[in-house]
Amino acid sequence: GLSAIQFARRVGARIYATAGRPEKQAYLRELGVTNIATSRDPELFKQGMREMLGDEGRVDVVLNSLADEYIPYSLELLRQGGRFMEIGKRGIWTTEEMHAARSDVKYEAIAL
């Protein structure tokens, strides 16, 4: 996650991050990240992202490590033809599942 923040800054991207514990959220703020959603509750994640992006706001890239219901919520936030880069290990989707849900998305599972 921290490497992704550094890379995103280098290329001039706007950063939307997640963190569960208040200490981690505070650390992200110390790093200058202002758009932070919770990773502890899927509904609060969705609500927080909608508040930051607005109803019509979308992101170009999702670098995902969250599982299960976070994936379809993240897909709702991804623009048409966006990229979904999966770095999680459990509860992730197969290429076929992603294609069935959003055939326009460029999906890549990355082993770090």
Protein backbone atom coordinates (compact mmCIF):
# COMPACT_ATOMS: atom_id res chain seq x y z
CA GLY A 1 0.00 0.00 0.00
CA LEU A 2 2.73 2.48 0.89
CA SER A 3 4.59 1.74 -2.35
CA ALA A 4 1.36 2.29 -4.26
CA ILE A 5 0.94 5.69 -2.59
CA GLN A 6 4.47 6.67 -3.61
CA PHE A 7 3.90 5.52 -7.18
CA ALA A 8 0.52 7.26 -7.42
CA ARG A 9 2.10 10.51 -6.27
CA ARG A 10 4.90 10.16 -8.79
CA VAL A 11 2.45 9.85 -11.69
CA GLY A 12 0.16 12.59 -10.36
CA ALA A 13 -2.81 10.40 -9.46
CA ARG A 14 -5.44 11.33 -6.90
CA ILE A 15 -5.26 8.80 -4.07
CA TYR A 16 -8.21 7.10 -2.39
CA ALA A 17 -7.02 4.75 0.33
CA THR A 18 -8.54 2.39 2.88
CA ALA A 19 -7.53 1.64 6.44
CA GLY A 20 -9.30 -0.13 9.25
CA ARG A 21 -7.88 1.12 12.50
CA PRO A 22 -7.92 4.80 13.45
CA GLU A 23 -4.13 4.65 13.95
CA LYS A 24 -3.63 3.55 10.35
CA GLN A 25 -6.01 6.23 9.10
CA ALA A 26 -4.06 8.83 11.09
CA TYR A 27 -0.80 7.53 9.60
CA LEU A 28 -2.20 7.91 6.08
CA ARG A 29 -3.19 11.49 6.93
CA GLU A 30 0.38 12.13 8.14
CA LEU A 31 1.53 10.96 4.72
CA GLY A 32 -0.76 13.54 3.13
CA VAL A 33 -3.53 11.17 2.02
CA THR A 34 -6.84 12.98 2.49
CA ASN A 35 -9.30 10.56 0.89
CA ILE A 36 -9.57 7.62 3.29
CA ALA A 37 -12.39 5.08 3.61
CA THR A 38 -12.74 2.30 6.15
CA SER A 39 -11.74 -1.25 5.35
CA ARG A 40 -13.62 -2.67 8.34
CA ASP A 41 -17.22 -2.40 7.16
CA PRO A 42 -18.24 -2.86 3.51
CA GLU A 43 -21.31 -0.62 3.76
CA LEU A 44 -19.33 2.18 5.42
CA PHE A 45 -16.63 1.74 2.78
CA LYS A 46 -19.20 2.18 0.01
CA GLN A 47 -20.79 5.17 1.75
CA GLY A 48 -17.42 6.83 2.41
CA MET A 49 -16.25 6.39 -1.16
CA ARG A 50 -19.52 7.79 -2.52
CA GLU A 51 -19.16 10.83 -0.26
CA MET A 52 -15.62 11.44 -1.53
CA LEU A 53 -16.35 10.78 -5.21
CA GLY A 54 -19.91 12.06 -5.48
CA ASP A 55 -22.71 10.07 -7.05
CA GLU A 56 -21.23 10.15 -10.53
CA GLY A 57 -17.54 10.04 -9.57
CA ARG A 58 -15.40 7.15 -10.74
CA VAL A 59 -11.80 6.04 -10.42
CA ASP A 60 -9.51 4.89 -13.23
CA VAL A 61 -7.67 2.18 -11.31
CA VAL A 62 -8.46 0.02 -8.30
CA LEU A 63 -5.48 -1.54 -6.52
CA ASN A 64 -7.38 -4.03 -4.41
CA SER A 65 -6.48 -6.12 -1.41
CA LEU A 66 -9.98 -6.32 0.07
CA ALA A 67 -12.12 -9.45 -0.29
CA ASP A 68 -15.68 -10.58 -0.78
CA GLU A 69 -18.32 -7.83 -0.98
CA TYR A 70 -15.69 -5.10 -1.31
CA ILE A 71 -14.99 -6.28 -4.85
CA PRO A 72 -18.41 -5.50 -6.36
CA TYR A 73 -18.50 -2.23 -4.40
CA SER A 74 -15.12 -1.29 -5.83
CA LEU A 75 -16.33 -2.19 -9.32
CA GLU A 76 -19.22 0.25 -8.91
CA LEU A 77 -16.61 2.98 -8.42
CA LEU A 78 -14.48 2.00 -11.42
CA ARG A 79 -14.95 3.92 -14.66
CA GLN A 80 -15.85 2.23 -17.92
CA GLY A 81 -12.75 0.49 -19.26
CA GLY A 82 -10.88 0.94 -15.97
CA ARG A 83 -8.22 -1.31 -14.48
CA PHE A 84 -8.74 -3.56 -11.48
CA MET A 85 -5.41 -4.71 -10.10
CA GLU A 86 -5.85 -7.46 -7.49
CA ILE A 87 -3.12 -7.92 -4.88
CA GLY A 88 -5.26 -9.84 -2.39
CA LYS A 89 -4.84 -13.54 -1.76
CA ARG A 90 -8.19 -14.71 -0.38
CA GLY A 91 -11.73 -14.08 -1.47
CA ILE A 92 -10.57 -12.76 -4.84
CA TRP A 93 -12.32 -13.22 -8.15
CA THR A 94 -11.21 -15.28 -11.09
CA THR A 95 -10.73 -13.67 -14.47
CA GLU A 96 -13.98 -15.34 -15.55
CA GLU A 97 -15.93 -13.89 -12.62
CA MET A 98 -14.61 -10.42 -13.36
CA HIS A 99 -15.42 -10.73 -17.05
CA ALA A 100 -18.97 -11.85 -16.22
CA ALA A 101 -19.48 -8.86 -13.93
CA ARG A 102 -17.67 -6.21 -15.99
CA SER A 103 -16.34 -7.31 -19.36
CA ASP A 104 -15.01 -3.78 -19.96
CA VAL A 105 -12.58 -3.96 -17.02
CA LYS A 106 -8.95 -4.86 -17.49
CA TYR A 107 -8.36 -7.31 -14.61
CA GLU A 108 -5.03 -8.53 -13.37
CA ALA A 109 -4.24 -10.62 -10.30
CA ILE A 110 -0.74 -9.70 -9.17
CA ALA A 111 1.38 -11.95 -6.96
CA LEU A 112 3.56 -9.77 -4.76
